Amino acid sequence: MRYIQKIGTPFEQQGKAITLAYLNRRWQHDHYVPFHYKRVDLRGMDALLVQEQQDATGPSYCCYCMRRLFLQRCAGHEANVTLEHIVPNHIDTNTQRADIVQYQRYPCLDNNHLTICHKGELPPEKTSTQITEVPYPHFVSYHNLVASCNGTMLESGSIVDSHCCNNRRGCDYVEPLFLDANGAQSIGYNPDGTLDFNDTTIDAKWFARLNLTADWLRLVRHLWYLVAQSVYTAEQVEEAISNIDLRQVIIDDIDSENLIAAWADETKTPIWTLFAEYNWFYSYYQK
C-alpha cells in the first residue's frame, strides 16, 4: 500500500477545479438541477487521480491491491480504473454516524473539505445556494476520491470482475490507511503472499471487506516474491505476455511448487496478463 497525499499538491487544485466545474454545470439560474451519486460526470477526474497515484517509476497503482491502473486498453491490458469514494458515495448518515466520525479524523475528509450528504444526494436546503468553494458535497469532491481497480480476479479457473477493492467493498467501513504515510507503511506482505500487519491497531475485517486476503491475491504476491528472488525482471514478466517461450522458461524456473504450470499455455494469456499487472510487488520484494 502507498501513501496518497490529498492536500497541498498541484493535484488538489486541479481536482477542486474539476469538482467545481461539475457543480457549475448543474447550477441553472437560481438552483441546482437535481443530482446524486448515480448521475455524476466528473470529466477528467479519473485521469487526474491515476496521475496522482503514479509511483517514481511511472505506472499508477490501485489504492488498495496495488494492481497497475490503465485508463484505456494498452499493450494487451484492458482499461480497469474505477473511482473510489473513501466516504461511500451513498452513505446513510443516520445509521453510519460512527463511521463518519472515523473518516473525519483524516484532514482531507473533515468538515473543512467535505459536506457529507445523506445517501449521496444534495439535500433540499442546499439546492438554492450556489457552492463556490470547499467544502464540496462528498460524493463529487476530489478530496474524497482515489483511483481503484475494477476488482478483476481469478476464481475457480475463471476471470471475474468486481471481486475486490472498490466494487467489492460497497458501503462498508474501511480505514483509509493510504491517507496516512505511517498507516500505508504499516501494511506489509510476507513471502507467501499473506498480509503482514499489527492486529492490535489494524482490524483484519477491513481487508476482508476489500477481499485483499483472497487466494488469488495471495498467490499473485507470492509469485512476485519468487520472481524478485530470481534472475528475471518485471519487464520480462511483461514481455512474457506475448512471448510464450519466455513465459514457459520463467514458470519452469520459479514454479517449483507447480502452482501455475498451466499458465504457460497461450489460452491462459489473460491470466498471465492480470498477474503481470501487479508488478509493484517486484520492487517491494526486492527491498
C-alpha atoms as a PDB file:
ATOM      1  CA  MET A   1       0.000   0.000   0.000  1.00  0.00           C
ATOM      2  CA  ARG A   2       1.210   3.513  -0.808  1.00  0.00           C
ATOM      3  CA  TYR A   3       0.547   6.913   0.733  1.00  0.00           C
ATOM      4  CA  ILE A   4      -1.730   9.219  -1.285  1.00  0.00           C
ATOM      5  CA  GLN A   5      -1.406  12.911  -0.415  1.00  0.00           C
ATOM      6  CA  LYS A   6      -4.669  14.785  -0.975  1.00  0.00           C
ATOM      7  CA  ILE A   7      -3.855  18.221   0.488  1.00  0.00           C
ATOM      8  CA  GLY A   8      -1.250  20.773  -0.546  1.00  0.00           C
ATOM      9  CA  THR A   9      -0.371  19.451  -4.003  1.00  0.00           C
ATOM     10  CA  PRO A  10      -0.991  20.660  -7.581  1.00  0.00           C
ATOM     11  CA  PHE A  11      -3.355  17.704  -7.944  1.00  0.00           C
ATOM     12  CA  GLU A  12      -5.547  19.159  -5.208  1.00  0.00           C
ATOM     13  CA  GLN A  13      -6.013  22.415  -7.102  1.00  0.00           C
ATOM     14  CA  GLN A  14      -6.832  20.583 -10.322  1.00  0.00           C
ATOM     15  CA  GLY A  15      -9.203  18.214  -8.537  1.00  0.00           C
ATOM     16  CA  LYS A  16     -11.076  21.040  -6.836  1.00  0.00           C
ATOM     17  CA  ALA A  17     -11.425  22.750 -10.215  1.00  0.00           C
ATOM     18  CA  ILE A  18     -12.924  19.594 -11.757  1.00  0.00           C
ATOM     19  CA  THR A  19     -15.430  19.301  -8.910  1.00  0.00           C
ATOM     20  CA  LEU A  20     -16.369  22.980  -9.122  1.00  0.00           C
ATOM     21  CA  ALA A  21     -16.789  22.778 -12.900  1.00  0.00           C
ATOM     22  CA  TYR A  22     -19.264  19.933 -12.417  1.00  0.00           C
ATOM     23  CA  LEU A  23     -21.196  21.874  -9.780  1.00  0.00           C
ATOM     24  CA  ASN A  24     -21.319  24.903 -12.061  1.00  0.00           C
ATOM     25  CA  ARG A  25     -22.761  22.776 -14.857  1.00  0.00           C
ATOM     26  CA  ARG A  26     -25.547  21.676 -12.518  1.00  0.00           C
ATOM     27  CA  TRP A  27     -26.409  25.248 -11.474  1.00  0.00           C
ATOM     28  CA  GLN A  28     -29.201  26.821 -13.519  1.00  0.00           C
ATOM     29  CA  HIS A  29     -30.359  30.357 -12.783  1.00  0.00           C
ATOM     30  CA  ASP A  30     -31.028  30.170  -9.039  1.00  0.00           C
ATOM     31  CA  HIS A  31     -30.903  26.494  -8.134  1.00  0.00           C
ATOM     32  CA  TYR A  32     -29.161  23.192  -8.726  1.00  0.00           C
ATOM     33  CA  VAL A  33     -30.659  20.753 -11.179  1.00  0.00           C
ATOM     34  CA  PRO A  34     -31.239  17.617  -9.048  1.00  0.00           C
ATOM     35  CA  PHE A  35     -28.246  15.324  -8.987  1.00  0.00           C
ATOM     36  CA  HIS A  36     -26.979  12.463  -6.877  1.00  0.00           C
ATOM     37  CA  TYR A  37     -24.148   9.950  -6.851  1.00  0.00           C
ATOM     38  CA  LYS A  38     -25.520   7.796  -9.694  1.00  0.00           C
ATOM     39  CA  ARG A  39     -25.534  10.685 -12.173  1.00  0.00           C
ATOM     40  CA  VAL A  40     -22.181  12.399 -11.778  1.00  0.00           C
ATOM     41  CA  ASP A  41     -19.834  13.224 -14.653  1.00  0.00           C
ATOM     42  CA  LEU A  42     -16.548  14.467 -13.207  1.00  0.00           C
ATOM     43  CA  ARG A  43     -14.817  14.987 -16.533  1.00  0.00           C
ATOM     44  CA  GLY A  44     -11.098  14.393 -16.246  1.00  0.00           C
ATOM     45  CA  MET A  45     -11.146  13.250 -12.624  1.00  0.00           C
ATOM     46  CA  ASP A  46     -10.213   9.652 -13.412  1.00  0.00           C
ATOM     47  CA  ALA A  47      -7.133  10.736 -15.382  1.00  0.00           C
ATOM     48  CA  LEU A  48      -6.102  13.143 -12.622  1.00  0.00           C
ATOM     49  CA  LEU A  49      -6.374  10.509  -9.902  1.00  0.00           C
ATOM     50  CA  VAL A  50      -4.438   7.969 -11.931  1.00  0.00           C
ATOM     51  CA  GLN A  51      -1.683  10.539 -12.403  1.00  0.00           C
ATOM     52  CA  GLU A  52      -1.779  11.349  -8.693  1.00  0.00           C
ATOM     53  CA  GLN A  53      -1.175   7.681  -7.893  1.00  0.00           C
ATOM     54  CA  GLN A  54       1.884   7.248 -10.085  1.00  0.00           C
ATOM     55  CA  ASP A  55       4.976   5.928  -8.373  1.00  0.00           C
ATOM     56  CA  ALA A  56       8.540   7.024  -9.066  1.00  0.00           C
ATOM     57  CA  THR A  57       8.927   4.540 -11.933  1.00  0.00           C
ATOM     58  CA  GLY A  58       5.903   5.824 -13.853  1.00  0.00           C
ATOM     59  CA  PRO A  59       2.987   3.366 -13.538  1.00  0.00           C
ATOM     60  CA  SER A  60      -0.045   4.103 -11.381  1.00  0.00           C
ATOM     61  CA  TYR A  61      -1.447   1.581  -8.933  1.00  0.00           C
ATOM     62  CA  CYS A  62      -4.757   0.763  -7.253  1.00  0.00           C
ATOM     63  CA  CYS A  63      -5.177   2.412  -3.870  1.00  0.00           C
ATOM     64  CA  TYR A  64      -5.931  -0.978  -2.293  1.00  0.00           C
ATOM     65  CA  CYS A  65      -4.465  -4.032  -4.029  1.00  0.00           C
ATOM     66  CA  MET A  66      -1.575  -2.324  -5.900  1.00  0.00           C
ATOM     67  CA  ARG A  67      -2.678  -3.556  -9.303  1.00  0.00           C
ATOM     68  CA  ARG A  68      -1.437  -1.405 -12.165  1.00  0.00           C
ATOM     69  CA  LEU A  69      -4.074   1.006 -13.472  1.00  0.00           C
ATOM     70  CA  PHE A  70      -4.961   1.564 -17.127  1.00  0.00           C
ATOM     71  CA  LEU A  71      -7.331   4.295 -18.296  1.00  0.00           C
ATOM     72  CA  GLN A  72      -7.653   2.657 -21.705  1.00  0.00           C
ATOM     73  CA  ARG A  73      -6.618  -0.524 -23.465  1.00  0.00           C
ATOM     74  CA  CYS A  74      -2.842  -0.637 -23.775  1.00  0.00           C
ATOM     75  CA  ALA A  75      -0.490  -3.406 -24.961  1.00  0.00           C
ATOM     76  CA  GLY A  76      -2.969  -6.145 -24.118  1.00  0.00           C
ATOM     77  CA  HIS A  77      -4.070  -4.625 -20.813  1.00  0.00           C
ATOM     78  CA  GLU A  78      -7.723  -3.653 -20.528  1.00  0.00           C
ATOM     79  CA  ALA A  79      -8.999  -0.400 -19.027  1.00  0.00           C
ATOM     80  CA  ASN A  80      -9.567  -1.098 -15.339  1.00  0.00           C
ATOM     81  CA  VAL A  81      -9.977   2.194 -13.457  1.00  0.00           C
ATOM     82  CA  THR A  82     -12.893   2.931 -11.132  1.00  0.00           C
ATOM     83  CA  LEU A  83     -13.379   5.956  -8.894  1.00  0.00           C
ATOM     84  CA  GLU A  84     -13.434   5.026  -5.221  1.00  0.00           C
ATOM     85  CA  HIS A  85     -15.295   7.246  -2.776  1.00  0.00           C
ATOM     86  CA  ILE A  86     -13.417   6.950   0.514  1.00  0.00           C
ATOM     87  CA  VAL A  87     -16.537   8.006   2.393  1.00  0.00           C
ATOM     88  CA  PRO A  88     -19.054   5.850   0.486  1.00  0.00           C
ATOM     89  CA  ASN A  89     -20.963   7.858  -2.094  1.00  0.00           C
ATOM     90  CA  HIS A  90     -24.371   6.720  -0.790  1.00  0.00           C
ATOM     91  CA  ILE A  91     -23.554   6.577   2.914  1.00  0.00           C
ATOM     92  CA  ASP A  92     -26.504   6.559   5.319  1.00  0.00           C
ATOM     93  CA  THR A  93     -25.867   9.479   7.661  1.00  0.00           C
ATOM     94  CA  ASN A  94     -28.455   8.161  10.101  1.00  0.00           C
ATOM     95  CA  THR A  95     -27.115   4.644  10.644  1.00  0.00           C
ATOM     96  CA  GLN A  96     -23.421   5.227   9.883  1.00  0.00           C
ATOM     97  CA  ARG A  97     -22.652   8.138  12.182  1.00  0.00           C
ATOM     98  CA  ALA A  98     -19.855   6.211  13.911  1.00  0.00           C
ATOM     99  CA  ASP A  99     -18.235   5.536  10.537  1.00  0.00           C
ATOM    100  CA  ILE A 100     -18.410   9.217   9.608  1.00  0.00           C
ATOM    101  CA  VAL A 101     -16.655  10.196  12.832  1.00  0.00           C
ATOM    102  CA  GLN A 102     -13.839   7.789  11.996  1.00  0.00           C
ATOM    103  CA  TYR A 103     -13.480   9.055   8.430  1.00  0.00           C
ATOM    104  CA  GLN A 104     -13.354  12.658   9.582  1.00  0.00           C
ATOM    105  CA  ARG A 105     -10.200  12.021  11.600  1.00  0.00           C
ATOM    106  CA  TYR A 106      -8.395  12.393   8.279  1.00  0.00           C
ATOM    107  CA  PRO A 107      -7.856  16.057   7.318  1.00  0.00           C
ATOM    108  CA  CYS A 108      -8.979  15.728   3.693  1.00  0.00           C
ATOM    109  CA  LEU A 109     -12.273  14.195   4.871  1.00  0.00           C
ATOM    110  CA  ASP A 110     -13.109  16.684   7.627  1.00  0.00           C
ATOM    111  CA  ASN A 111     -15.843  19.324   7.613  1.00  0.00           C
ATOM    112  CA  ASN A 112     -13.489  21.865   6.055  1.00  0.00           C
ATOM    113  CA  HIS A 113     -13.220  19.752   2.915  1.00  0.00           C
ATOM    114  CA  LEU A 114     -16.417  17.671   2.683  1.00  0.00           C
ATOM    115  CA  THR A 115     -20.107  18.105   3.245  1.00  0.00           C
ATOM    116  CA  ILE A 116     -21.321  14.557   3.811  1.00  0.00           C
ATOM    117  CA  CYS A 117     -24.728  14.168   2.186  1.00  0.00           C
ATOM    118  CA  HIS A 118     -27.264  11.512   3.145  1.00  0.00           C
ATOM    119  CA  LYS A 119     -27.489   8.747   0.525  1.00  0.00           C
ATOM    120  CA  GLY A 120     -25.294  10.693  -1.883  1.00  0.00           C
ATOM    121  CA  GLU A 121     -27.813  13.387  -2.739  1.00  0.00           C
ATOM    122  CA  LEU A 122     -27.663  17.151  -2.283  1.00  0.00           C
ATOM    123  CA  PRO A 123     -30.178  17.970   0.490  1.00  0.00           C
ATOM    124  CA  PRO A 124     -33.116  20.234  -0.446  1.00  0.00           C
ATOM    125  CA  GLU A 125     -31.942  23.067   1.812  1.00  0.00           C
ATOM    126  CA  LYS A 126     -28.699  23.325  -0.164  1.00  0.00           C
ATOM    127  CA  THR A 127     -30.136  23.296  -3.685  1.00  0.00           C
ATOM    128  CA  SER A 128     -30.834  27.050  -3.797  1.00  0.00           C
ATOM    129  CA  THR A 129     -27.395  28.247  -2.657  1.00  0.00           C
ATOM    130  CA  GLN A 130     -24.570  28.057  -5.177  1.00  0.00           C
ATOM    131  CA  ILE A 131     -21.462  26.257  -3.930  1.00  0.00           C
ATOM    132  CA  THR A 132     -18.329  28.146  -4.945  1.00  0.00           C
ATOM    133  CA  GLU A 133     -15.658  26.726  -2.648  1.00  0.00           C
ATOM    134  CA  VAL A 134     -14.921  23.819  -0.330  1.00  0.00           C
ATOM    135  CA  PRO A 135     -16.436  22.024   1.447  1.00  0.00           C
ATOM    136  CA  TYR A 136     -17.964  20.276  -1.555  1.00  0.00           C
ATOM    137  CA  PRO A 137     -20.587  17.501  -1.384  1.00  0.00           C
ATOM    138  CA  HIS A 138     -18.704  14.343  -0.520  1.00  0.00           C
ATOM    139  CA  PHE A 139     -19.971  12.322  -3.477  1.00  0.00           C
ATOM    140  CA  VAL A 140     -18.417  14.733  -6.018  1.00  0.00           C
ATOM    141  CA  SER A 141     -15.416  16.007  -4.061  1.00  0.00           C
ATOM    142  CA  TYR A 142     -11.834  15.442  -5.220  1.00  0.00           C
ATOM    143  CA  HIS A 143     -10.785  15.116  -1.575  1.00  0.00           C
ATOM    144  CA  ASN A 144     -12.966  12.020  -1.200  1.00  0.00           C
ATOM    145  CA  LEU A 145     -11.819  10.286  -4.388  1.00  0.00           C
ATOM    146  CA  VAL A 146      -8.991   7.902  -5.210  1.00  0.00           C
ATOM    147  CA  ALA A 147      -8.397   5.530  -8.109  1.00  0.00           C
ATOM    148  CA  SER A 148      -9.155   1.844  -7.596  1.00  0.00           C
ATOM    149  CA  CYS A 149      -9.018  -1.108  -9.958  1.00  0.00           C
ATOM    150  CA  ASN A 150     -12.202  -2.799 -11.150  1.00  0.00           C
ATOM    151  CA  GLY A 151     -11.731  -5.848  -8.945  1.00  0.00           C
ATOM    152  CA  THR A 152     -10.777  -8.408 -11.602  1.00  0.00           C
ATOM    153  CA  MET A 153      -9.644 -11.706 -10.089  1.00  0.00           C
ATOM    154  CA  LEU A 154      -9.178 -15.365 -10.936  1.00  0.00           C
ATOM    155  CA  GLU A 155     -11.694 -17.564  -9.140  1.00  0.00           C
ATOM    156  CA  SER A 156     -12.286 -21.259  -9.818  1.00  0.00           C
ATOM    157  CA  GLY A 157     -10.361 -21.000 -13.066  1.00  0.00           C
ATOM    158  CA  SER A 158     -12.380 -18.083 -14.428  1.00  0.00           C
ATOM    159  CA  ILE A 159     -11.602 -14.369 -14.577  1.00  0.00           C
ATOM    160  CA  VAL A 160     -14.312 -12.351 -12.836  1.00  0.00           C
ATOM    161  CA  ASP A 161     -14.770  -8.624 -12.195  1.00  0.00           C
ATOM    162  CA  SER A 162     -15.805  -6.665  -9.100  1.00  0.00           C
ATOM    163  CA  HIS A 163     -14.482  -9.216  -6.603  1.00  0.00           C
ATOM    164  CA  CYS A 164     -12.039  -6.979  -4.721  1.00  0.00           C
ATOM    165  CA  CYS A 165     -11.313  -3.362  -3.852  1.00  0.00           C
ATOM    166  CA  ASN A 166     -13.842  -0.621  -4.678  1.00  0.00           C
ATOM    167  CA  ASN A 167     -16.602  -2.700  -6.260  1.00  0.00           C
ATOM    168  CA  ARG A 168     -16.380  -5.405  -3.598  1.00  0.00           C
ATOM    169  CA  ARG A 169     -16.477  -3.025  -0.630  1.00  0.00           C
ATOM    170  CA  GLY A 170     -19.843  -1.354  -1.101  1.00  0.00           C
ATOM    171  CA  CYS A 171     -20.700   0.956   1.806  1.00  0.00           C
ATOM    172  CA  ASP A 172     -18.744  -0.969   4.436  1.00  0.00           C
ATOM    173  CA  TYR A 173     -16.311   0.942   6.613  1.00  0.00           C
ATOM    174  CA  VAL A 174     -12.684   0.552   5.598  1.00  0.00           C
ATOM    175  CA  GLU A 175      -9.942   2.542   7.269  1.00  0.00           C
ATOM    176  CA  PRO A 176      -8.284   4.687   4.551  1.00  0.00           C
ATOM    177  CA  LEU A 177      -4.756   3.756   5.579  1.00  0.00           C
ATOM    178  CA  PHE A 178      -3.369   5.168   2.335  1.00  0.00           C
ATOM    179  CA  LEU A 179      -4.238   8.686   3.554  1.00  0.00           C
ATOM    180  CA  ASP A 180      -1.611   8.439   6.296  1.00  0.00           C
ATOM    181  CA  ALA A 181       2.065   7.904   5.479  1.00  0.00           C
ATOM    182  CA  ASN A 182       2.617   5.776   8.572  1.00  0.00           C
ATOM    183  CA  GLY A 183      -0.611   3.871   8.008  1.00  0.00           C
ATOM    184  CA  ALA A 184       0.351   2.937   4.459  1.00  0.00           C
ATOM    185  CA  GLN A 185       3.775   1.752   5.592  1.00  0.00           C
ATOM    186  CA  SER A 186       2.241  -0.347   8.365  1.00  0.00           C
ATOM    187  CA  ILE A 187       0.956  -2.849   5.791  1.00  0.00           C
ATOM    188  CA  GLY A 188       3.499  -5.431   4.710  1.00  0.00           C
ATOM    189  CA  TYR A 189       3.482  -8.514   2.517  1.00  0.00           C
ATOM    190  CA  ASN A 190       5.073 -11.812   3.511  1.00  0.00           C
ATOM    191  CA  PRO A 191       6.948 -14.051   1.037  1.00  0.00           C
ATOM    192  CA  ASP A 192       3.985 -16.438   0.972  1.00  0.00           C
ATOM    193  CA  GLY A 193       1.768 -13.559  -0.131  1.00  0.00           C
ATOM    194  CA  THR A 194      -0.117 -13.112   3.121  1.00  0.00           C
ATOM    195  CA  LEU A 195      -0.605  -9.656   4.606  1.00  0.00           C
ATOM    196  CA  ASP A 196       1.621  -8.537   7.465  1.00  0.00           C
ATOM    197  CA  PHE A 197       0.156  -6.018   9.913  1.00  0.00           C
ATOM    198  CA  ASN A 198      -0.265  -5.288  13.602  1.00  0.00           C
ATOM    199  CA  ASP A 199      -3.680  -6.678  14.503  1.00  0.00           C
ATOM    200  CA  THR A 200      -3.784  -4.667  17.715  1.00  0.00           C
ATOM    201  CA  THR A 201      -4.102  -1.436  15.717  1.00  0.00           C
ATOM    202  CA  ILE A 202      -5.450  -2.661  12.370  1.00  0.00           C
ATOM    203  CA  ASP A 203      -8.720  -4.563  12.013  1.00  0.00           C
ATOM    204  CA  ALA A 204      -8.424  -7.594   9.717  1.00  0.00           C
ATOM    205  CA  LYS A 205     -12.033  -7.216   8.643  1.00  0.00           C
ATOM    206  CA  TRP A 206     -11.101  -4.091   6.663  1.00  0.00           C
ATOM    207  CA  PHE A 207      -9.001  -6.272   4.378  1.00  0.00           C
ATOM    208  CA  ALA A 208     -11.700  -8.942   4.244  1.00  0.00           C
ATOM    209  CA  ARG A 209     -14.226  -6.337   3.066  1.00  0.00           C
ATOM    210  CA  LEU A 210     -11.872  -5.475   0.210  1.00  0.00           C
ATOM    211  CA  ASN A 211     -11.085  -9.171  -0.374  1.00  0.00           C
ATOM    212  CA  LEU A 212      -7.360  -8.421  -0.143  1.00  0.00           C
ATOM    213  CA  THR A 213      -6.865 -11.755   1.613  1.00  0.00           C
ATOM    214  CA  ALA A 214      -8.298 -13.746  -1.313  1.00  0.00           C
ATOM    215  CA  ASP A 215      -6.377 -16.786  -2.542  1.00  0.00           C
ATOM    216  CA  TRP A 216      -5.794 -15.123  -5.911  1.00  0.00           C
ATOM    217  CA  LEU A 217      -4.128 -12.032  -4.451  1.00  0.00           C
ATOM    218  CA  ARG A 218      -2.089 -14.110  -2.036  1.00  0.00           C
ATOM    219  CA  LEU A 219      -0.877 -16.244  -4.963  1.00  0.00           C
ATOM    220  CA  VAL A 220      -0.036 -13.172  -7.054  1.00  0.00           C
ATOM    221  CA  ARG A 221       2.047 -11.661  -4.269  1.00  0.00           C
ATOM    222  CA  HIS A 222       3.814 -14.966  -3.630  1.00  0.00           C
ATOM    223  CA  LEU A 223       4.668 -15.336  -7.313  1.00  0.00           C
ATOM    224  CA  TRP A 224       6.104 -11.840  -7.442  1.00  0.00           C
ATOM    225  CA  TYR A 225       8.245 -12.719  -4.449  1.00  0.00           C
ATOM    226  CA  LEU A 226       9.583 -15.687  -6.404  1.00  0.00           C
ATOM    227  CA  VAL A 227      10.255 -13.518  -9.455  1.00  0.00           C
ATOM    228  CA  ALA A 228      12.019 -10.917  -7.310  1.00  0.00           C
ATOM    229  CA  GLN A 229      14.345 -13.611  -5.938  1.00  0.00           C
ATOM    230  CA  SER A 230      15.093 -14.964  -9.420  1.00  0.00           C
ATOM    231  CA  VAL A 231      17.166 -13.702 -12.349  1.00  0.00           C
ATOM    232  CA  TYR A 232      14.036 -12.412 -14.082  1.00  0.00           C
ATOM    233  CA  THR A 233      12.781  -8.840 -14.137  1.00  0.00           C
ATOM    234  CA  ALA A 234       9.348  -7.242 -14.096  1.00  0.00           C
ATOM    235  CA  GLU A 235       9.962  -6.216 -17.708  1.00  0.00           C
ATOM    236  CA  GLN A 236      10.478  -9.852 -18.679  1.00  0.00           C
ATOM    237  CA  VAL A 237       7.240 -10.846 -16.967  1.00  0.00           C
ATOM    238  CA  GLU A 238       5.526  -8.178 -19.071  1.00  0.00           C
ATOM    239  CA  GLU A 239       7.275  -9.401 -22.222  1.00  0.00           C
ATOM    240  CA  ALA A 240       6.085 -12.931 -21.468  1.00  0.00           C
ATOM    241  CA  ILE A 241       2.504 -11.828 -22.092  1.00  0.00           C
ATOM    242  CA  SER A 242       3.202 -12.179 -25.805  1.00  0.00           C
ATOM    243  CA  ASN A 243       6.368 -14.299 -25.677  1.00  0.00           C
ATOM    244  CA  ILE A 244       5.074 -17.741 -24.779  1.00  0.00           C
ATOM    245  CA  ASP A 245       8.530 -19.322 -24.830  1.00  0.00           C
ATOM    246  CA  LEU A 246       9.836 -16.815 -22.290  1.00  0.00           C
ATOM    247  CA  ARG A 247       6.766 -17.389 -20.140  1.00  0.00           C
ATOM    248  CA  GLN A 248       7.461 -21.118 -20.128  1.00  0.00           C
ATOM    249  CA  VAL A 249      11.070 -20.524 -19.050  1.00  0.00           C
ATOM    250  CA  ILE A 250      10.029 -18.214 -16.219  1.00  0.00           C
ATOM    251  CA  ILE A 251       7.413 -20.665 -14.987  1.00  0.00           C
ATOM    252  CA  ASP A 252       9.837 -23.587 -15.162  1.00  0.00           C
ATOM    253  CA  ASP A 253      12.378 -21.687 -13.069  1.00  0.00           C
ATOM    254  CA  ILE A 254      10.194 -20.145 -10.361  1.00  0.00           C
ATOM    255  CA  ASP A 255       7.309 -22.599 -10.017  1.00  0.00           C
ATOM    256  CA  SER A 256       8.881 -25.401  -8.005  1.00  0.00           C
ATOM    257  CA  GLU A 257       5.553 -25.842  -6.211  1.00  0.00           C
ATOM    258  CA  ASN A 258       3.773 -26.478  -9.544  1.00  0.00           C
ATOM    259  CA  LEU A 259       1.236 -23.752  -8.853  1.00  0.00           C
ATOM    260  CA  ILE A 260       0.973 -22.205 -12.297  1.00  0.00           C
ATOM    261  CA  ALA A 261       2.247 -24.748 -14.833  1.00  0.00           C
ATOM    262  CA  ALA A 262      -0.953 -24.359 -16.851  1.00  0.00           C
ATOM    263  CA  TRP A 263      -0.309 -20.649 -17.369  1.00  0.00           C
ATOM    264  CA  ALA A 264       2.332 -21.460 -19.987  1.00  0.00           C
ATOM    265  CA  ASP A 265      -0.471 -22.271 -22.407  1.00  0.00           C
ATOM    266  CA  GLU A 266      -1.393 -19.493 -24.830  1.00  0.00           C
ATOM    267  CA  THR A 267      -5.042 -19.769 -23.801  1.00  0.00           C
ATOM    268  CA  LYS A 268      -4.019 -18.646 -20.302  1.00  0.00           C
ATOM    269  CA  THR A 269      -2.582 -15.355 -21.531  1.00  0.00           C
ATOM    270  CA  PRO A 270      -5.373 -13.305 -19.872  1.00  0.00           C
ATOM    271  CA  ILE A 271      -4.383 -14.827 -16.510  1.00  0.00           C
ATOM    272  CA  TRP A 272      -0.696 -14.085 -17.062  1.00  0.00           C
ATOM    273  CA  THR A 273      -1.589 -10.545 -18.145  1.00  0.00           C
ATOM    274  CA  LEU A 274      -3.553  -9.999 -14.946  1.00  0.00           C
ATOM    275  CA  PHE A 275      -0.670 -11.366 -12.876  1.00  0.00           C
ATOM    276  CA  ALA A 276       1.754  -9.025 -14.686  1.00  0.00           C
ATOM    277  CA  GLU A 277      -0.331  -6.021 -13.650  1.00  0.00           C
ATOM    278  CA  TYR A 278       0.832  -6.495 -10.067  1.00  0.00           C
ATOM    279  CA  ASN A 279       4.442  -5.616 -10.891  1.00  0.00           C
ATOM    280  CA  TRP A 280       4.589  -3.159  -7.981  1.00  0.00           C
ATOM    281  CA  PHE A 281       5.377  -6.175  -5.809  1.00  0.00           C
ATOM    282  CA  TYR A 282       8.573  -6.859  -7.734  1.00  0.00           C
ATOM    283  CA  SER A 283      10.268  -3.778  -6.309  1.00  0.00           C
ATOM    284  CA  TYR A 284       8.617  -4.349  -2.926  1.00  0.00           C
ATOM    285  CA  TYR A 285      10.079  -7.841  -2.563  1.00  0.00           C
ATOM    286  CA  GLN A 286      13.484  -6.739  -3.799  1.00  0.00           C
ATOM    287  CA  LYS A 287      13.945  -4.424  -0.825  1.00  0.00           C
END
